Amino acid sequence: MELSVWLSFVGTVLILALTPGPSVLLATANSMKYGANKTGGTILGDLSANLCQIMLASAGLASIVTASGELFQVIKWCGVAYLVWMGITKIRAKSEIHFSREQANERSFSKLYVEGFLMSAANPKAIIFFAALFPLFIDPAMTFLPQVIILAITFLVIDGLALSIYAHFAGRLKVYLEDQEKVHFQNKIVGSLLIFSGLMLALVRKTE
């Protein structure tokens, strides 16, 4: 995998990982309730589910790469369209972030792990997301498995660090996350960056 391709992937994942979503909100809320250390269980659960989803998505992609290079190129362009669609959705979305006010009960690390795993695993769009995102950065002329491993490790590390940052600074970030106007403005920026990333990736692939 070329360094420029990997750096493009890093930039795209950073945009996505730092965007407040269900995983971020759960990690932030649990950090405020149970502390940052125990929230590590929530984060590990989320990442474990992501790893399973990446494996499922990659298994399908592997057979497509082996069977037809042209079909793989079609999937790449679908990935570009998906990235642009996500950007448009972010720009148009209304921010409705609310934290639960209920009294927190003591919960174990393992229970928080299960909660994080189930929350992420219950999202059926995740497999579609990985199946659409990874082909943009995979070269079918190169060995498939090493590229997927690099992308998977990169995604999990960045996502884990982003969730840890949110959990560590949960108290301060709560004020920001509940400011609907600020979150909506951030969504517009993130959406624009996603659209820009998709278009730039499309242009790169087109010139090859």
C-alpha atoms as a PDB file:
ATOM      1  CA  MET A   1       0.000   0.000   0.000  1.00  0.00           C
ATOM      2  CA  GLU A   2       1.342   3.400  -0.990  1.00  0.00           C
ATOM      3  CA  LEU A   3       1.944   5.946   1.748  1.00  0.00           C
ATOM      4  CA  SER A   4      -0.220   8.573   0.017  1.00  0.00           C
ATOM      5  CA  VAL A   5      -3.177   6.164  -0.078  1.00  0.00           C
ATOM      6  CA  TRP A   6      -2.737   5.298   3.588  1.00  0.00           C
ATOM      7  CA  LEU A   7      -2.543   8.975   4.561  1.00  0.00           C
ATOM      8  CA  SER A   8      -5.767   9.623   2.645  1.00  0.00           C
ATOM      9  CA  PHE A   9      -7.386   6.823   4.623  1.00  0.00           C
ATOM     10  CA  VAL A  10      -6.096   8.277   7.890  1.00  0.00           C
ATOM     11  CA  GLY A  11      -7.549  11.684   7.026  1.00  0.00           C
ATOM     12  CA  THR A  12     -10.936  10.211   6.139  1.00  0.00           C
ATOM     13  CA  VAL A  13     -11.121   8.094   9.299  1.00  0.00           C
ATOM     14  CA  LEU A  14     -10.106  11.054  11.472  1.00  0.00           C
ATOM     15  CA  ILE A  15     -13.025  13.064  10.102  1.00  0.00           C
ATOM     16  CA  LEU A  16     -15.421  10.221  10.845  1.00  0.00           C
ATOM     17  CA  ALA A  17     -13.991   9.237  14.242  1.00  0.00           C
ATOM     18  CA  LEU A  18     -14.097  12.756  15.681  1.00  0.00           C
ATOM     19  CA  THR A  19     -17.709  13.284  14.621  1.00  0.00           C
ATOM     20  CA  PRO A  20     -20.167  12.895  17.539  1.00  0.00           C
ATOM     21  CA  GLY A  21     -22.166   9.738  16.916  1.00  0.00           C
ATOM     22  CA  PRO A  22     -23.729   6.900  18.958  1.00  0.00           C
ATOM     23  CA  SER A  23     -20.347   5.490  20.017  1.00  0.00           C
ATOM     24  CA  VAL A  24     -19.040   8.901  21.077  1.00  0.00           C
ATOM     25  CA  LEU A  25     -22.203   9.722  23.009  1.00  0.00           C
ATOM     26  CA  LEU A  26     -22.201   6.357  24.799  1.00  0.00           C
ATOM     27  CA  ALA A  27     -18.526   6.668  25.752  1.00  0.00           C
ATOM     28  CA  THR A  28     -19.024  10.246  26.942  1.00  0.00           C
ATOM     29  CA  ALA A  29     -22.142   9.434  28.944  1.00  0.00           C
ATOM     30  CA  ASN A  30     -20.594   6.350  30.575  1.00  0.00           C
ATOM     31  CA  SER A  31     -17.448   8.277  31.423  1.00  0.00           C
ATOM     32  CA  MET A  32     -19.488  10.856  33.315  1.00  0.00           C
ATOM     33  CA  LYS A  33     -21.458   8.124  35.095  1.00  0.00           C
ATOM     34  CA  TYR A  34     -18.818   5.502  35.858  1.00  0.00           C
ATOM     35  CA  GLY A  35     -15.451   7.160  35.248  1.00  0.00           C
ATOM     36  CA  ALA A  36     -12.992   7.128  32.359  1.00  0.00           C
ATOM     37  CA  ASN A  37     -11.283   3.885  33.429  1.00  0.00           C
ATOM     38  CA  LYS A  38     -14.424   1.766  33.358  1.00  0.00           C
ATOM     39  CA  THR A  39     -15.474   3.403  30.103  1.00  0.00           C
ATOM     40  CA  GLY A  40     -12.544   1.531  28.598  1.00  0.00           C
ATOM     41  CA  GLY A  41     -14.900  -1.458  28.618  1.00  0.00           C
ATOM     42  CA  THR A  42     -17.405   0.424  26.465  1.00  0.00           C
ATOM     43  CA  ILE A  43     -14.661   1.434  24.032  1.00  0.00           C
ATOM     44  CA  LEU A  44     -13.220  -2.096  23.788  1.00  0.00           C
ATOM     45  CA  GLY A  45     -16.696  -3.486  23.192  1.00  0.00           C
ATOM     46  CA  ASP A  46     -17.287  -1.002  20.392  1.00  0.00           C
ATOM     47  CA  LEU A  47     -13.937  -1.790  18.757  1.00  0.00           C
ATOM     48  CA  SER A  48     -14.526  -5.550  19.054  1.00  0.00           C
ATOM     49  CA  ALA A  49     -17.828  -5.202  17.206  1.00  0.00           C
ATOM     50  CA  ASN A  50     -16.121  -3.041  14.571  1.00  0.00           C
ATOM     51  CA  LEU A  51     -13.457  -5.730  14.081  1.00  0.00           C
ATOM     52  CA  CYS A  52     -16.126  -8.385  13.516  1.00  0.00           C
ATOM     53  CA  GLN A  53     -17.894  -6.105  11.036  1.00  0.00           C
ATOM     54  CA  ILE A  54     -14.636  -5.407   9.192  1.00  0.00           C
ATOM     55  CA  MET A  55     -13.962  -9.153   8.932  1.00  0.00           C
ATOM     56  CA  LEU A  56     -17.445  -9.825   7.538  1.00  0.00           C
ATOM     57  CA  ALA A  57     -17.201  -6.970   5.031  1.00  0.00           C
ATOM     58  CA  SER A  58     -13.684  -7.959   3.965  1.00  0.00           C
ATOM     59  CA  ALA A  59     -14.651 -11.606   3.449  1.00  0.00           C
ATOM     60  CA  GLY A  60     -17.150 -10.511   0.811  1.00  0.00           C
ATOM     61  CA  LEU A  61     -14.693  -8.101  -0.788  1.00  0.00           C
ATOM     62  CA  ALA A  62     -12.005 -10.778  -1.011  1.00  0.00           C
ATOM     63  CA  SER A  63     -14.189 -12.999  -3.177  1.00  0.00           C
ATOM     64  CA  ILE A  64     -15.087 -10.034  -5.411  1.00  0.00           C
ATOM     65  CA  VAL A  65     -11.431  -9.088  -5.916  1.00  0.00           C
ATOM     66  CA  THR A  66     -10.608 -12.662  -6.862  1.00  0.00           C
ATOM     67  CA  ALA A  67     -13.606 -13.042  -9.168  1.00  0.00           C
ATOM     68  CA  SER A  68     -13.697  -9.741 -11.032  1.00  0.00           C
ATOM     69  CA  GLY A  69     -11.473  -6.687 -11.071  1.00  0.00           C
ATOM     70  CA  GLU A  70     -14.109  -4.716 -12.989  1.00  0.00           C
ATOM     71  CA  LEU A  71     -16.759  -5.430 -10.347  1.00  0.00           C
ATOM     72  CA  PHE A  72     -14.333  -4.264  -7.683  1.00  0.00           C
ATOM     73  CA  GLN A  73     -13.941  -0.962  -9.534  1.00  0.00           C
ATOM     74  CA  VAL A  74     -17.722  -0.573  -9.566  1.00  0.00           C
ATOM     75  CA  ILE A  75     -17.748  -1.094  -5.796  1.00  0.00           C
ATOM     76  CA  LYS A  76     -15.044   1.556  -5.453  1.00  0.00           C
ATOM     77  CA  TRP A  77     -17.216   4.082  -7.259  1.00  0.00           C
ATOM     78  CA  CYS A  78     -20.152   3.085  -5.065  1.00  0.00           C
ATOM     79  CA  GLY A  79     -17.871   3.834  -2.116  1.00  0.00           C
ATOM     80  CA  VAL A  80     -17.194   7.310  -3.474  1.00  0.00           C
ATOM     81  CA  ALA A  81     -20.933   7.875  -3.867  1.00  0.00           C
ATOM     82  CA  TYR A  82     -21.528   6.592  -0.338  1.00  0.00           C
ATOM     83  CA  LEU A  83     -18.932   8.980   1.079  1.00  0.00           C
ATOM     84  CA  VAL A  84     -20.557  11.919  -0.712  1.00  0.00           C
ATOM     85  CA  TRP A  85     -24.002  10.778   0.453  1.00  0.00           C
ATOM     86  CA  MET A  86     -22.783  10.635   4.065  1.00  0.00           C
ATOM     87  CA  GLY A  87     -21.463  14.176   3.681  1.00  0.00           C
ATOM     88  CA  ILE A  88     -24.779  15.464   2.363  1.00  0.00           C
ATOM     89  CA  THR A  89     -26.622  13.654   5.166  1.00  0.00           C
ATOM     90  CA  LYS A  90     -24.376  15.279   7.773  1.00  0.00           C
ATOM     91  CA  ILE A  91     -24.954  18.747   6.355  1.00  0.00           C
ATOM     92  CA  ARG A  92     -28.733  18.317   6.281  1.00  0.00           C
ATOM     93  CA  ALA A  93     -29.047  16.485   9.611  1.00  0.00           C
ATOM     94  CA  LYS A  94     -30.583  18.221  12.600  1.00  0.00           C
ATOM     95  CA  SER A  95     -28.534  17.785  15.763  1.00  0.00           C
ATOM     96  CA  GLU A  96     -30.572  16.153  18.509  1.00  0.00           C
ATOM     97  CA  ILE A  97     -27.991  15.138  21.087  1.00  0.00           C
ATOM     98  CA  HIS A  98     -29.269  14.616  24.612  1.00  0.00           C
ATOM     99  CA  PHE A  99     -27.704  12.952  27.618  1.00  0.00           C
ATOM    100  CA  SER A 100     -29.762  10.869  29.978  1.00  0.00           C
ATOM    101  CA  ARG A 101     -30.446  12.467  33.346  1.00  0.00           C
ATOM    102  CA  GLU A 102     -31.219   9.175  35.103  1.00  0.00           C
ATOM    103  CA  GLN A 103     -29.336   8.178  38.211  1.00  0.00           C
ATOM    104  CA  ALA A 104     -26.313   6.041  37.462  1.00  0.00           C
ATOM    105  CA  ASN A 105     -25.957   2.586  39.039  1.00  0.00           C
ATOM    106  CA  GLU A 106     -22.605   0.931  39.567  1.00  0.00           C
ATOM    107  CA  ARG A 107     -21.689  -1.230  36.583  1.00  0.00           C
ATOM    108  CA  SER A 108     -18.790  -3.579  36.020  1.00  0.00           C
ATOM    109  CA  PHE A 109     -16.171  -3.311  33.281  1.00  0.00           C
ATOM    110  CA  SER A 110     -17.519  -6.456  31.632  1.00  0.00           C
ATOM    111  CA  LYS A 111     -21.090  -5.136  31.539  1.00  0.00           C
ATOM    112  CA  LEU A 112     -19.888  -1.912  29.950  1.00  0.00           C
ATOM    113  CA  TYR A 113     -17.954  -4.010  27.424  1.00  0.00           C
ATOM    114  CA  VAL A 114     -21.099  -5.941  26.480  1.00  0.00           C
ATOM    115  CA  GLU A 115     -23.074  -2.702  26.243  1.00  0.00           C
ATOM    116  CA  GLY A 116     -20.484  -1.157  23.911  1.00  0.00           C
ATOM    117  CA  PHE A 117     -20.303  -4.316  21.799  1.00  0.00           C
ATOM    118  CA  LEU A 118     -24.065  -4.703  21.410  1.00  0.00           C
ATOM    119  CA  MET A 119     -24.591  -1.013  20.664  1.00  0.00           C
ATOM    120  CA  SER A 120     -22.083  -1.127  17.800  1.00  0.00           C
ATOM    121  CA  ALA A 121     -22.982  -4.629  16.574  1.00  0.00           C
ATOM    122  CA  ALA A 122     -26.670  -3.701  16.394  1.00  0.00           C
ATOM    123  CA  ASN A 123     -25.921  -1.148  13.668  1.00  0.00           C
ATOM    124  CA  PRO A 124     -26.529  -2.974  10.348  1.00  0.00           C
ATOM    125  CA  LYS A 125     -25.148   0.000   8.394  1.00  0.00           C
ATOM    126  CA  ALA A 126     -21.658  -0.616   9.785  1.00  0.00           C
ATOM    127  CA  ILE A 127     -20.900  -3.566   7.488  1.00  0.00           C
ATOM    128  CA  ILE A 128     -22.127  -1.539   4.506  1.00  0.00           C
ATOM    129  CA  PHE A 129     -19.918   1.324   5.685  1.00  0.00           C
ATOM    130  CA  PHE A 130     -16.772  -0.809   5.810  1.00  0.00           C
ATOM    131  CA  ALA A 131     -17.631  -2.542   2.526  1.00  0.00           C
ATOM    132  CA  ALA A 132     -17.992   0.877   0.883  1.00  0.00           C
ATOM    133  CA  LEU A 133     -15.014   2.601   2.516  1.00  0.00           C
ATOM    134  CA  PHE A 134     -12.234   0.007   2.280  1.00  0.00           C
ATOM    135  CA  PRO A 135     -12.359  -0.546  -1.526  1.00  0.00           C
ATOM    136  CA  LEU A 136     -11.479   3.124  -2.044  1.00  0.00           C
ATOM    137  CA  PHE A 137      -8.042   2.457  -0.587  1.00  0.00           C
ATOM    138  CA  ILE A 138      -7.368  -1.106  -1.774  1.00  0.00           C
ATOM    139  CA  ASP A 139      -5.327  -1.812  -4.886  1.00  0.00           C
ATOM    140  CA  PRO A 140      -6.644  -5.036  -6.501  1.00  0.00           C
ATOM    141  CA  ALA A 141      -3.251  -5.501  -8.170  1.00  0.00           C
ATOM    142  CA  MET A 142      -1.653  -5.979  -4.739  1.00  0.00           C
ATOM    143  CA  THR A 143      -2.155  -8.734  -2.159  1.00  0.00           C
ATOM    144  CA  PHE A 144      -5.562  -8.220  -0.569  1.00  0.00           C
ATOM    145  CA  LEU A 145      -5.107  -9.445   3.029  1.00  0.00           C
ATOM    146  CA  PRO A 146      -2.127  -7.243   4.062  1.00  0.00           C
ATOM    147  CA  GLN A 147      -3.964  -4.150   2.805  1.00  0.00           C
ATOM    148  CA  VAL A 148      -7.096  -5.013   4.779  1.00  0.00           C
ATOM    149  CA  ILE A 149      -5.046  -5.671   7.913  1.00  0.00           C
ATOM    150  CA  ILE A 150      -3.339  -2.266   7.595  1.00  0.00           C
ATOM    151  CA  LEU A 151      -6.673  -0.487   7.062  1.00  0.00           C
ATOM    152  CA  ALA A 152      -8.357  -2.376   9.905  1.00  0.00           C
ATOM    153  CA  ILE A 153      -5.587  -1.655  12.433  1.00  0.00           C
ATOM    154  CA  THR A 154      -5.472   1.986  11.355  1.00  0.00           C
ATOM    155  CA  PHE A 155      -9.234   2.387  11.726  1.00  0.00           C
ATOM    156  CA  LEU A 156      -9.391   0.674  15.127  1.00  0.00           C
ATOM    157  CA  VAL A 157      -6.455   2.666  16.533  1.00  0.00           C
ATOM    158  CA  ILE A 158      -7.832   6.036  15.382  1.00  0.00           C
ATOM    159  CA  ASP A 159     -11.380   5.224  16.483  1.00  0.00           C
ATOM    160  CA  GLY A 160     -10.157   3.948  19.850  1.00  0.00           C
ATOM    161  CA  LEU A 161      -8.052   7.070  20.443  1.00  0.00           C
ATOM    162  CA  ALA A 162     -10.947   9.348  19.482  1.00  0.00           C
ATOM    163  CA  LEU A 163     -13.332   7.583  21.868  1.00  0.00           C
ATOM    164  CA  SER A 164     -10.719   7.691  24.628  1.00  0.00           C
ATOM    165  CA  ILE A 165     -10.301  11.445  24.166  1.00  0.00           C
ATOM    166  CA  TYR A 166     -14.045  11.978  24.391  1.00  0.00           C
ATOM    167  CA  ALA A 167     -14.225   9.766  27.490  1.00  0.00           C
ATOM    168  CA  HIS A 168     -11.268  11.486  29.174  1.00  0.00           C
ATOM    169  CA  PHE A 169     -12.636  14.980  28.630  1.00  0.00           C
ATOM    170  CA  ALA A 170     -16.289  13.975  29.047  1.00  0.00           C
ATOM    171  CA  GLY A 171     -17.147  16.682  31.566  1.00  0.00           C
ATOM    172  CA  ARG A 172     -15.904  19.507  29.386  1.00  0.00           C
ATOM    173  CA  LEU A 173     -17.195  18.043  26.131  1.00  0.00           C
ATOM    174  CA  LYS A 174     -20.697  17.497  27.514  1.00  0.00           C
ATOM    175  CA  VAL A 175     -21.355  21.243  27.422  1.00  0.00           C
ATOM    176  CA  TYR A 176     -20.249  21.373  23.796  1.00  0.00           C
ATOM    177  CA  LEU A 177     -22.126  18.245  22.722  1.00  0.00           C
ATOM    178  CA  GLU A 178     -25.380  19.559  24.168  1.00  0.00           C
ATOM    179  CA  ASP A 179     -25.023  22.861  22.319  1.00  0.00           C
ATOM    180  CA  GLN A 180     -27.190  21.995  19.312  1.00  0.00           C
ATOM    181  CA  GLU A 181     -26.068  25.009  17.289  1.00  0.00           C
ATOM    182  CA  LYS A 182     -22.375  24.197  17.646  1.00  0.00           C
ATOM    183  CA  VAL A 183     -22.888  20.521  16.824  1.00  0.00           C
ATOM    184  CA  HIS A 184     -24.961  21.432  13.769  1.00  0.00           C
ATOM    185  CA  PHE A 185     -22.190  23.762  12.578  1.00  0.00           C
ATOM    186  CA  GLN A 186     -19.633  20.995  13.092  1.00  0.00           C
ATOM    187  CA  ASN A 187     -21.823  18.594  11.117  1.00  0.00           C
ATOM    188  CA  LYS A 188     -21.786  21.040   8.195  1.00  0.00           C
ATOM    189  CA  ILE A 189     -17.991  21.191   8.294  1.00  0.00           C
ATOM    190  CA  VAL A 190     -17.659  17.404   8.593  1.00  0.00           C
ATOM    191  CA  GLY A 191     -20.193  16.855   5.812  1.00  0.00           C
ATOM    192  CA  SER A 192     -18.324  19.230   3.499  1.00  0.00           C
ATOM    193  CA  LEU A 193     -15.034  17.449   4.254  1.00  0.00           C
ATOM    194  CA  LEU A 194     -16.591  14.052   3.534  1.00  0.00           C
ATOM    195  CA  ILE A 195     -17.916  15.265   0.191  1.00  0.00           C
ATOM    196  CA  PHE A 196     -14.531  16.797  -0.636  1.00  0.00           C
ATOM    197  CA  SER A 197     -12.758  13.542   0.324  1.00  0.00           C
ATOM    198  CA  GLY A 198     -15.100  11.491  -1.841  1.00  0.00           C
ATOM    199  CA  LEU A 199     -14.639  13.752  -4.857  1.00  0.00           C
ATOM    200  CA  MET A 200     -10.855  13.847  -4.465  1.00  0.00           C
ATOM    201  CA  LEU A 201     -10.698  10.043  -4.222  1.00  0.00           C
ATOM    202  CA  ALA A 202     -12.883   9.787  -7.305  1.00  0.00           C
ATOM    203  CA  LEU A 203     -10.496  12.035  -9.251  1.00  0.00           C
ATOM    204  CA  VAL A 204      -7.455  10.070  -8.140  1.00  0.00           C
ATOM    205  CA  ARG A 205      -8.941   6.775  -9.248  1.00  0.00           C
ATOM    206  CA  LYS A 206     -10.057   8.300 -12.521  1.00  0.00           C
ATOM    207  CA  THR A 207      -6.552   9.344 -13.529  1.00  0.00           C
ATOM    208  CA  GLU A 208      -4.931   5.999 -12.776  1.00  0.00           C
END
